[in-house]
Amino acid sequence: MTTPVISIIAIVARDGAIGRGGDQPFHIREDFRRFKALTTGKPIVMGRKTFEALPSGALPGRRNIVITRNPAWSAPEVETVRSIEEAVAMCAGVEEIMIIGGGEIYRQAMPVADRLYITAVDAPVPDADTFFPDVDPSQWSLSESSEDFVDPRSGAAYRFTNYDRIGGQT
C-alpha cells in the first residue's frame, strides 16, 4: 500500500494572512479554479470552522473530512475525525490528501506535509485574524512558480507556487 502525499493548499497574503472574520480575505476566480482542479477526486481535510464557512456544505467530487473536538458534531456528506493523524490513517492507499484549512489545521499539518500549493498574493491584510504558518526555507524548496497575474476584481497581484519538503517523498 502506498503512503499518500500530504499536501496543503492555501491562498496566502504577503503578510501571511489567510483569514479575516471567518472568511478568506481574497476571492480570486483563478485561485478557485486551481483549488477545484487540484482537489477534485481527492480527500480534503479541514477544520470545523473552515467547513462551516463553505457556502454550500460539503464540496462535491471529494471525500470531505472534518477535524473537530466535538464528537456530537456532524454534517451531511462529511466524515469526522479528531486529528490530522486520524484523517491521514483513514485515507491509506490514496495518492494525495489535501489539507484545506484553516489556520490551526495548517499548523498541525505542517510537520507531516510533503507539498504546499500556495497562491501567493502580493498584498497585506491589515485586519487579518488568521495566519499561515511560516514556511521554513531549510525544510521547503520552491519547485514551481507561475508568472505574476493581477486579479481583475481586486487589483491584487498573485502567483501560483508549489513547494516540496526537502528530503520528502514528493
N, C-alpha and C. Protein backbone atom coordinates (compact mmCIF):
# COMPACT_ATOMS: atom_id res chain seq x y z
N MET A 1 0.85 -1.18 0.00
CA MET A 1 0.00 0.00 0.00
C MET A 1 0.89 1.24 0.00
N THR A 2 0.54 2.23 -0.85
CA THR A 2 1.34 3.44 -0.93
C THR A 2 0.99 4.40 0.20
N THR A 3 1.98 5.17 0.59
CA THR A 3 1.75 6.22 1.58
C THR A 3 1.31 7.47 0.83
N PRO A 4 0.18 8.07 1.22
CA PRO A 4 -0.29 9.24 0.49
C PRO A 4 0.66 10.43 0.65
N VAL A 5 0.73 11.24 -0.41
CA VAL A 5 1.38 12.54 -0.32
C VAL A 5 0.41 13.43 0.45
N ILE A 6 0.90 14.12 1.46
CA ILE A 6 0.07 15.04 2.23
C ILE A 6 0.37 16.45 1.74
N SER A 7 -0.64 17.07 1.15
CA SER A 7 -0.47 18.40 0.56
C SER A 7 -1.35 19.41 1.26
N ILE A 8 -0.81 20.60 1.42
CA ILE A 8 -1.54 21.74 1.97
C ILE A 8 -1.81 22.69 0.82
N ILE A 9 -3.03 23.19 0.74
CA ILE A 9 -3.38 24.18 -0.29
C ILE A 9 -3.98 25.40 0.40
N ALA A 10 -3.46 26.59 0.04
CA ALA A 10 -3.91 27.82 0.70
C ALA A 10 -3.66 29.02 -0.20
N ILE A 11 -4.42 30.06 0.04
CA ILE A 11 -4.17 31.37 -0.55
C ILE A 11 -3.65 32.25 0.58
N VAL A 12 -2.44 32.81 0.39
CA VAL A 12 -1.73 33.47 1.49
C VAL A 12 -1.29 34.87 1.06
N ALA A 13 -1.62 35.85 1.87
CA ALA A 13 -1.21 37.23 1.61
C ALA A 13 0.27 37.41 1.94
N ARG A 14 0.82 38.51 1.46
CA ARG A 14 2.24 38.83 1.69
C ARG A 14 2.60 38.79 3.17
N ASP A 15 1.68 39.21 4.05
CA ASP A 15 1.95 39.22 5.48
C ASP A 15 1.56 37.91 6.17
N GLY A 16 1.27 36.87 5.37
CA GLY A 16 0.92 35.56 5.92
C GLY A 16 -0.56 35.38 6.24
N ALA A 17 -1.35 36.41 6.00
CA ALA A 17 -2.78 36.35 6.32
C ALA A 17 -3.50 35.34 5.43
N ILE A 18 -4.38 34.57 6.08
CA ILE A 18 -5.25 33.65 5.33
C ILE A 18 -6.72 33.83 5.70
N GLY A 19 -7.00 34.60 6.75
CA GLY A 19 -8.38 34.74 7.17
C GLY A 19 -8.67 36.08 7.82
N ARG A 20 -9.96 36.46 7.68
CA ARG A 20 -10.44 37.70 8.29
C ARG A 20 -11.93 37.52 8.56
N GLY A 21 -12.29 37.54 9.81
CA GLY A 21 -13.71 37.45 10.17
C GLY A 21 -14.39 36.18 9.70
N GLY A 22 -13.66 35.05 9.71
CA GLY A 22 -14.26 33.77 9.34
C GLY A 22 -14.29 33.51 7.84
N ASP A 23 -13.61 34.34 7.06
CA ASP A 23 -13.59 34.14 5.61
C ASP A 23 -12.17 34.41 5.12
N GLN A 24 -11.87 33.95 3.91
CA GLN A 24 -10.55 34.27 3.37
C GLN A 24 -10.60 35.69 2.82
N PRO A 25 -9.49 36.42 2.90
CA PRO A 25 -9.51 37.82 2.50
C PRO A 25 -9.54 38.06 0.99
N PHE A 26 -9.21 37.04 0.20
CA PHE A 26 -9.19 37.20 -1.26
C PHE A 26 -10.09 36.16 -1.90
N HIS A 27 -10.84 36.59 -2.88
CA HIS A 27 -11.70 35.69 -3.65
C HIS A 27 -11.32 35.86 -5.12
N ILE A 28 -10.27 35.16 -5.51
CA ILE A 28 -9.72 35.27 -6.85
C ILE A 28 -10.22 34.09 -7.68
N ARG A 29 -10.93 34.40 -8.75
CA ARG A 29 -11.56 33.35 -9.56
C ARG A 29 -10.56 32.28 -10.00
N GLU A 30 -9.39 32.68 -10.46
CA GLU A 30 -8.40 31.70 -10.92
C GLU A 30 -7.88 30.82 -9.78
N ASP A 31 -7.82 31.37 -8.57
CA ASP A 31 -7.43 30.57 -7.41
C ASP A 31 -8.48 29.50 -7.13
N PHE A 32 -9.76 29.87 -7.22
CA PHE A 32 -10.83 28.88 -7.02
C PHE A 32 -10.75 27.78 -8.08
N ARG A 33 -10.45 28.16 -9.32
CA ARG A 33 -10.31 27.15 -10.39
C ARG A 33 -9.15 26.21 -10.09
N ARG A 34 -8.03 26.78 -9.66
CA ARG A 34 -6.86 25.94 -9.33
C ARG A 34 -7.20 25.01 -8.17
N PHE A 35 -7.86 25.55 -7.14
CA PHE A 35 -8.26 24.75 -5.98
C PHE A 35 -9.12 23.57 -6.43
N LYS A 36 -10.11 23.83 -7.26
CA LYS A 36 -11.01 22.77 -7.72
C LYS A 36 -10.23 21.73 -8.52
N ALA A 37 -9.36 22.18 -9.41
CA ALA A 37 -8.59 21.24 -10.24
C ALA A 37 -7.66 20.37 -9.40
N LEU A 38 -7.06 20.94 -8.38
CA LEU A 38 -6.11 20.19 -7.55
C LEU A 38 -6.78 19.28 -6.53
N THR A 39 -8.00 19.60 -6.11
CA THR A 39 -8.63 18.82 -5.04
C THR A 39 -9.69 17.83 -5.50
N THR A 40 -10.27 18.03 -6.66
CA THR A 40 -11.34 17.14 -7.12
C THR A 40 -10.83 15.70 -7.23
N GLY A 41 -11.61 14.79 -6.68
CA GLY A 41 -11.27 13.37 -6.71
C GLY A 41 -10.37 12.94 -5.57
N LYS A 42 -10.01 13.87 -4.70
CA LYS A 42 -9.10 13.55 -3.59
C LYS A 42 -9.79 13.83 -2.25
N PRO A 43 -9.35 13.17 -1.19
CA PRO A 43 -9.88 13.54 0.12
C PRO A 43 -9.39 14.92 0.52
N ILE A 44 -10.31 15.72 1.06
CA ILE A 44 -9.94 17.04 1.58
C ILE A 44 -10.18 17.02 3.09
N VAL A 45 -9.22 17.59 3.81
CA VAL A 45 -9.26 17.60 5.27
C VAL A 45 -9.29 19.06 5.72
N MET A 46 -10.21 19.36 6.61
CA MET A 46 -10.36 20.74 7.08
C MET A 46 -10.86 20.75 8.51
N GLY A 47 -10.72 21.90 9.14
CA GLY A 47 -11.29 22.11 10.46
C GLY A 47 -12.78 22.42 10.35
N ARG A 48 -13.46 22.33 11.48
CA ARG A 48 -14.90 22.58 11.51
C ARG A 48 -15.24 24.00 11.07
N LYS A 49 -14.48 24.99 11.52
CA LYS A 49 -14.78 26.38 11.14
C LYS A 49 -14.63 26.59 9.64
N THR A 50 -13.62 25.97 9.04
CA THR A 50 -13.46 26.06 7.59
C THR A 50 -14.65 25.43 6.89
N PHE A 51 -15.07 24.25 7.36
CA PHE A 51 -16.23 23.61 6.76
C PHE A 51 -17.46 24.52 6.86
N GLU A 52 -17.67 25.09 8.05
CA GLU A 52 -18.86 25.92 8.25
C GLU A 52 -18.82 27.21 7.44
N ALA A 53 -17.63 27.61 6.98
CA ALA A 53 -17.50 28.80 6.12
C ALA A 53 -17.78 28.49 4.65
N LEU A 54 -17.84 27.21 4.29
CA LEU A 54 -18.14 26.85 2.90
C LEU A 54 -19.57 27.27 2.59
N PRO A 55 -19.81 27.87 1.43
CA PRO A 55 -21.15 28.39 1.15
C PRO A 55 -22.24 27.35 0.99
N SER A 56 -21.88 26.13 0.55
CA SER A 56 -22.92 25.13 0.28
C SER A 56 -22.66 23.78 0.93
N GLY A 57 -21.92 23.75 2.03
CA GLY A 57 -21.65 22.49 2.70
C GLY A 57 -20.55 21.71 2.02
N ALA A 58 -20.64 20.38 2.10
CA ALA A 58 -19.59 19.51 1.57
C ALA A 58 -19.29 19.82 0.11
N LEU A 59 -17.99 19.83 -0.22
CA LEU A 59 -17.59 20.10 -1.60
C LEU A 59 -17.79 18.85 -2.44
N PRO A 60 -18.46 18.97 -3.57
CA PRO A 60 -18.75 17.80 -4.41
C PRO A 60 -17.49 17.24 -5.06
N GLY A 61 -17.52 15.93 -5.32
CA GLY A 61 -16.42 15.28 -6.04
C GLY A 61 -15.19 15.05 -5.19
N ARG A 62 -15.35 15.20 -3.89
CA ARG A 62 -14.24 15.00 -2.97
C ARG A 62 -14.76 14.33 -1.70
N ARG A 63 -13.90 13.56 -1.06
CA ARG A 63 -14.22 12.99 0.24
C ARG A 63 -13.95 14.09 1.27
N ASN A 64 -14.98 14.58 1.95
CA ASN A 64 -14.87 15.67 2.91
C ASN A 64 -14.66 15.12 4.31
N ILE A 65 -13.51 15.46 4.90
CA ILE A 65 -13.17 15.01 6.25
C ILE A 65 -12.97 16.25 7.12
N VAL A 66 -13.71 16.32 8.22
CA VAL A 66 -13.65 17.48 9.10
C VAL A 66 -13.06 17.06 10.45
N ILE A 67 -12.06 17.82 10.88
CA ILE A 67 -11.46 17.60 12.19
C ILE A 67 -12.20 18.47 13.20
N THR A 68 -12.71 17.84 14.24
CA THR A 68 -13.43 18.56 15.28
C THR A 68 -13.20 17.89 16.63
N ARG A 69 -13.21 18.70 17.66
CA ARG A 69 -13.10 18.15 19.03
C ARG A 69 -14.46 17.72 19.57
N ASN A 70 -15.53 18.13 18.88
CA ASN A 70 -16.88 17.87 19.34
C ASN A 70 -17.38 16.55 18.74
N PRO A 71 -17.46 15.48 19.53
CA PRO A 71 -17.88 14.18 19.00
C PRO A 71 -19.34 14.17 18.52
N ALA A 72 -20.14 15.13 18.94
CA ALA A 72 -21.55 15.18 18.54
C ALA A 72 -21.75 15.94 17.24
N TRP A 73 -20.72 16.64 16.76
CA TRP A 73 -20.87 17.45 15.54
C TRP A 73 -20.95 16.55 14.31
N SER A 74 -21.82 16.88 13.40
CA SER A 74 -21.90 16.14 12.13
C SER A 74 -22.50 17.05 11.06
N ALA A 75 -22.32 16.64 9.83
CA ALA A 75 -22.90 17.37 8.70
C ALA A 75 -23.10 16.36 7.57
N PRO A 76 -24.05 16.61 6.69
CA PRO A 76 -24.28 15.69 5.57
C PRO A 76 -23.04 15.55 4.68
N GLU A 77 -22.78 14.33 4.26
CA GLU A 77 -21.69 14.00 3.33
C GLU A 77 -20.30 14.34 3.89
N VAL A 78 -20.16 14.27 5.21
CA VAL A 78 -18.90 14.59 5.87
C VAL A 78 -18.54 13.47 6.84
N GLU A 79 -17.25 13.13 6.86
CA GLU A 79 -16.73 12.21 7.87
C GLU A 79 -16.00 13.07 8.90
N THR A 80 -16.12 12.70 10.16
CA THR A 80 -15.44 13.49 11.19
C THR A 80 -14.34 12.67 11.85
N VAL A 81 -13.28 13.37 12.23
CA VAL A 81 -12.15 12.80 12.94
C VAL A 81 -11.72 13.79 14.00
N ARG A 82 -10.82 13.34 14.87
CA ARG A 82 -10.36 14.22 15.95
C ARG A 82 -8.95 14.75 15.73
N SER A 83 -8.24 14.28 14.68
CA SER A 83 -6.86 14.73 14.49
C SER A 83 -6.42 14.56 13.04
N ILE A 84 -5.34 15.24 12.71
CA ILE A 84 -4.71 15.07 11.39
C ILE A 84 -4.30 13.61 11.21
N GLU A 85 -3.71 13.04 12.24
CA GLU A 85 -3.24 11.65 12.16
C GLU A 85 -4.38 10.69 11.85
N GLU A 86 -5.52 10.90 12.48
CA GLU A 86 -6.69 10.05 12.23
C GLU A 86 -7.18 10.23 10.79
N ALA A 87 -7.18 11.48 10.31
CA ALA A 87 -7.60 11.73 8.92
C ALA A 87 -6.68 11.04 7.94
N VAL A 88 -5.37 11.14 8.17
CA VAL A 88 -4.40 10.50 7.28
C VAL A 88 -4.57 8.98 7.31
N ALA A 89 -4.76 8.42 8.49
CA ALA A 89 -4.91 6.96 8.62
C ALA A 89 -6.13 6.46 7.85
N MET A 90 -7.21 7.22 7.84
CA MET A 90 -8.41 6.74 7.15
C MET A 90 -8.32 6.93 5.63
N CYS A 91 -7.23 7.53 5.17
CA CYS A 91 -7.03 7.73 3.72
C CYS A 91 -5.91 6.87 3.17
N ALA A 92 -5.52 5.85 3.91
CA ALA A 92 -4.44 4.96 3.45
C ALA A 92 -4.78 4.44 2.06
N GLY A 93 -3.78 4.43 1.19
CA GLY A 93 -3.96 3.90 -0.14
C GLY A 93 -4.31 4.93 -1.21
N VAL A 94 -4.67 6.16 -0.81
CA VAL A 94 -4.92 7.19 -1.82
C VAL A 94 -3.59 7.81 -2.22
N GLU A 95 -3.57 8.45 -3.37
CA GLU A 95 -2.33 9.05 -3.86
C GLU A 95 -1.98 10.35 -3.13
N GLU A 96 -3.00 11.20 -2.88
CA GLU A 96 -2.74 12.51 -2.28
C GLU A 96 -3.91 12.93 -1.41
N ILE A 97 -3.58 13.49 -0.25
CA ILE A 97 -4.56 14.05 0.68
C ILE A 97 -4.37 15.56 0.66
N MET A 98 -5.45 16.31 0.55
CA MET A 98 -5.38 17.76 0.50
C MET A 98 -5.87 18.37 1.82
N ILE A 99 -5.00 19.12 2.47
CA ILE A 99 -5.35 19.84 3.70
C ILE A 99 -5.76 21.24 3.26
N ILE A 100 -7.02 21.64 3.57
CA ILE A 100 -7.53 22.89 3.02
C ILE A 100 -7.78 23.98 4.07
N GLY A 101 -7.41 23.76 5.33
CA GLY A 101 -7.53 24.85 6.31
C GLY A 101 -8.37 24.47 7.50
N GLY A 102 -8.46 25.37 8.40
CA GLY A 102 -7.91 26.71 8.48
C GLY A 102 -6.57 26.76 9.20
N GLY A 103 -6.33 27.89 9.84
CA GLY A 103 -5.04 28.20 10.42
C GLY A 103 -4.51 27.14 11.38
N GLU A 104 -5.34 26.70 12.30
CA GLU A 104 -4.88 25.70 13.29
C GLU A 104 -4.61 24.36 12.62
N ILE A 105 -5.43 23.98 11.66
CA ILE A 105 -5.23 22.72 10.93
C ILE A 105 -3.94 22.80 10.12
N TYR A 106 -3.69 23.94 9.49
CA TYR A 106 -2.41 24.11 8.77
C TYR A 106 -1.23 23.94 9.73
N ARG A 107 -1.31 24.54 10.90
CA ARG A 107 -0.21 24.42 11.88
C ARG A 107 0.02 22.96 12.27
N GLN A 108 -1.06 22.22 12.48
CA GLN A 108 -0.94 20.82 12.85
C GLN A 108 -0.41 19.97 11.70
N ALA A 109 -0.74 20.35 10.47
CA ALA A 109 -0.35 19.55 9.30
C ALA A 109 1.07 19.84 8.81
N MET A 110 1.61 21.01 9.09
CA MET A 110 2.93 21.37 8.55
C MET A 110 4.01 20.33 8.85
N PRO A 111 4.09 19.77 10.05
CA PRO A 111 5.16 18.79 10.30
C PRO A 111 5.05 17.51 9.49
N VAL A 112 3.85 17.18 9.00
CA VAL A 112 3.68 15.93 8.25
C VAL A 112 3.46 16.15 6.77
N ALA A 113 3.35 17.40 6.35
CA ALA A 113 3.07 17.71 4.94
C ALA A 113 4.29 17.45 4.07
N ASP A 114 4.01 17.04 2.83
CA ASP A 114 5.05 16.79 1.83
C ASP A 114 5.10 17.88 0.78
N ARG A 115 3.96 18.54 0.54
CA ARG A 115 3.88 19.53 -0.54
C ARG A 115 2.98 20.68 -0.10
N LEU A 116 3.30 21.88 -0.60
CA LEU A 116 2.47 23.06 -0.38
C LEU A 116 2.07 23.64 -1.73
N TYR A 117 0.79 23.87 -1.91
CA TYR A 117 0.28 24.59 -3.08
C TYR A 117 -0.18 25.94 -2.55
N ILE A 118 0.58 26.98 -2.82
CA ILE A 118 0.28 28.30 -2.26
C ILE A 118 -0.02 29.28 -3.39
N THR A 119 -1.16 29.93 -3.28
CA THR A 119 -1.42 31.10 -4.11
C THR A 119 -0.92 32.27 -3.30
N ALA A 120 0.20 32.86 -3.74
CA ALA A 120 0.85 33.94 -3.01
C ALA A 120 0.31 35.27 -3.53
N VAL A 121 -0.38 36.01 -2.66
CA VAL A 121 -0.97 37.29 -3.04
C VAL A 121 -0.06 38.40 -2.53
N ASP A 122 0.32 39.29 -3.44
CA ASP A 122 1.25 40.37 -3.09
C ASP A 122 0.48 41.57 -2.55
N ALA A 123 -0.17 41.35 -1.41
CA ALA A 123 -0.92 42.40 -0.74
C ALA A 123 -1.02 42.04 0.73
N PRO A 124 -1.00 43.04 1.60
CA PRO A 124 -1.19 42.78 3.03
C PRO A 124 -2.69 42.76 3.36
N VAL A 125 -3.00 42.20 4.52
CA VAL A 125 -4.37 42.22 5.02
C VAL A 125 -4.30 42.77 6.45
N PRO A 126 -4.39 44.09 6.58
CA PRO A 126 -4.17 44.73 7.89
C PRO A 126 -5.11 44.24 9.00
N ASP A 127 -6.34 43.85 8.65
CA ASP A 127 -7.30 43.42 9.68
C ASP A 127 -7.43 41.90 9.76
N ALA A 128 -6.43 41.18 9.28
CA ALA A 128 -6.47 39.71 9.32
C ALA A 128 -6.45 39.20 10.75
N ASP A 129 -7.08 38.04 10.94
CA ASP A 129 -7.06 37.42 12.27
C ASP A 129 -6.57 35.97 12.24
N THR A 130 -6.25 35.45 11.05
CA THR A 130 -5.75 34.09 10.91
C THR A 130 -4.58 34.11 9.93
N PHE A 131 -3.52 33.38 10.30
CA PHE A 131 -2.28 33.43 9.51
C PHE A 131 -1.78 32.03 9.19
N PHE A 132 -1.09 31.93 8.04
CA PHE A 132 -0.47 30.69 7.62
C PHE A 132 0.84 30.52 8.39
N PRO A 133 1.20 29.28 8.75
CA PRO A 133 2.48 29.07 9.44
C PRO A 133 3.65 29.48 8.55
N ASP A 134 4.76 29.85 9.17
CA ASP A 134 5.96 30.19 8.41
C ASP A 134 6.42 28.99 7.59
N VAL A 135 6.88 29.26 6.38
CA VAL A 135 7.46 28.23 5.52
C VAL A 135 8.97 28.34 5.68
N ASP A 136 9.55 27.42 6.43
CA ASP A 136 10.97 27.42 6.75
C ASP A 136 11.78 27.02 5.51
N PRO A 137 12.62 27.93 4.98
CA PRO A 137 13.37 27.60 3.76
C PRO A 137 14.39 26.46 3.94
N SER A 138 14.69 26.10 5.18
CA SER A 138 15.58 24.95 5.39
C SER A 138 14.82 23.63 5.25
N GLN A 139 13.48 23.69 5.23
CA GLN A 139 12.67 22.48 5.12
C GLN A 139 11.89 22.39 3.81
N TRP A 140 11.75 23.51 3.10
CA TRP A 140 10.91 23.56 1.90
C TRP A 140 11.68 24.14 0.73
N SER A 141 11.47 23.56 -0.44
CA SER A 141 12.10 24.03 -1.66
C SER A 141 11.01 24.45 -2.65
N LEU A 142 11.14 25.65 -3.20
CA LEU A 142 10.21 26.11 -4.22
C LEU A 142 10.42 25.25 -5.47
N SER A 143 9.41 24.50 -5.86
CA SER A 143 9.56 23.60 -7.02
C SER A 143 8.89 24.14 -8.27
N GLU A 144 7.98 25.09 -8.10
CA GLU A 144 7.28 25.65 -9.25
C GLU A 144 6.72 27.01 -8.88
N SER A 145 6.78 27.94 -9.82
CA SER A 145 6.21 29.27 -9.61
C SER A 145 5.71 29.79 -10.95
N SER A 146 4.48 30.26 -10.97
CA SER A 146 3.90 30.79 -12.19
C SER A 146 4.38 32.22 -12.42
N GLU A 147 3.99 32.74 -13.55
CA GLU A 147 4.18 34.17 -13.78
C GLU A 147 3.26 34.93 -12.82
N ASP A 148 3.45 36.23 -12.72
CA ASP A 148 2.56 37.06 -11.91
C ASP A 148 1.28 37.35 -12.68
N PHE A 149 0.17 37.32 -11.97
CA PHE A 149 -1.13 37.66 -12.53
C PHE A 149 -1.71 38.80 -11.70
N VAL A 150 -2.72 39.48 -12.23
CA VAL A 150 -3.43 40.51 -11.48
C VAL A 150 -4.91 40.15 -11.50
N ASP A 151 -5.50 40.09 -10.30
CA ASP A 151 -6.92 39.81 -10.20
C ASP A 151 -7.70 41.02 -10.69
N PRO A 152 -8.54 40.84 -11.72
CA PRO A 152 -9.25 41.99 -12.28
C PRO A 152 -10.24 42.65 -11.31
N ARG A 153 -10.74 41.88 -10.34
CA ARG A 153 -11.72 42.46 -9.41
C ARG A 153 -11.06 43.25 -8.30
N SER A 154 -10.01 42.69 -7.69
CA SER A 154 -9.39 43.37 -6.54
C SER A 154 -8.16 44.18 -6.92
N GLY A 155 -7.57 43.87 -8.07
CA GLY A 155 -6.33 44.54 -8.47
C GLY A 155 -5.10 43.95 -7.80
N ALA A 156 -5.28 42.89 -7.00
CA ALA A 156 -4.16 42.28 -6.28
C ALA A 156 -3.33 41.41 -7.22
N ALA A 157 -2.01 41.54 -7.10
CA ALA A 157 -1.10 40.69 -7.86
C ALA A 157 -0.93 39.37 -7.11
N TYR A 158 -0.83 38.27 -7.87
CA TYR A 158 -0.66 36.96 -7.24
C TYR A 158 0.10 36.04 -8.17
N ARG A 159 0.58 34.94 -7.57
CA ARG A 159 1.28 33.91 -8.35
C ARG A 159 0.99 32.57 -7.68
N PHE A 160 0.98 31.52 -8.51
CA PHE A 160 0.81 30.17 -8.01
C PHE A 160 2.18 29.58 -7.74
N THR A 161 2.39 29.05 -6.53
CA THR A 161 3.68 28.45 -6.17
C THR A 161 3.46 27.06 -5.59
N ASN A 162 4.43 26.21 -5.81
CA ASN A 162 4.43 24.87 -5.20
C ASN A 162 5.75 24.70 -4.48
N TYR A 163 5.69 24.12 -3.30
CA TYR A 163 6.87 23.82 -2.51
C TYR A 163 6.87 22.32 -2.21
N ASP A 164 8.05 21.72 -2.22
CA ASP A 164 8.20 20.34 -1.80
C ASP A 164 9.10 20.29 -0.59
N ARG A 165 8.76 19.38 0.34
CA ARG A 165 9.60 19.23 1.52
C ARG A 165 10.96 18.69 1.09
N ILE A 166 12.01 19.30 1.58
CA ILE A 166 13.36 18.86 1.29
C ILE A 166 13.55 17.48 1.94
N GLY A 167 13.91 16.50 1.13
CA GLY A 167 14.09 15.15 1.63
C GLY A 167 12.78 14.39 1.80
N GLY A 168 11.66 14.97 1.33
CA GLY A 168 10.35 14.32 1.47
C GLY A 168 10.10 13.35 0.34
N GLN A 169 8.88 12.79 0.32
CA GLN A 169 8.54 11.76 -0.65
C GLN A 169 8.00 12.30 -1.97
N THR A 170 7.86 13.61 -2.11
CA THR A 170 7.26 14.15 -3.35
C THR A 170 8.19 14.13 -4.52
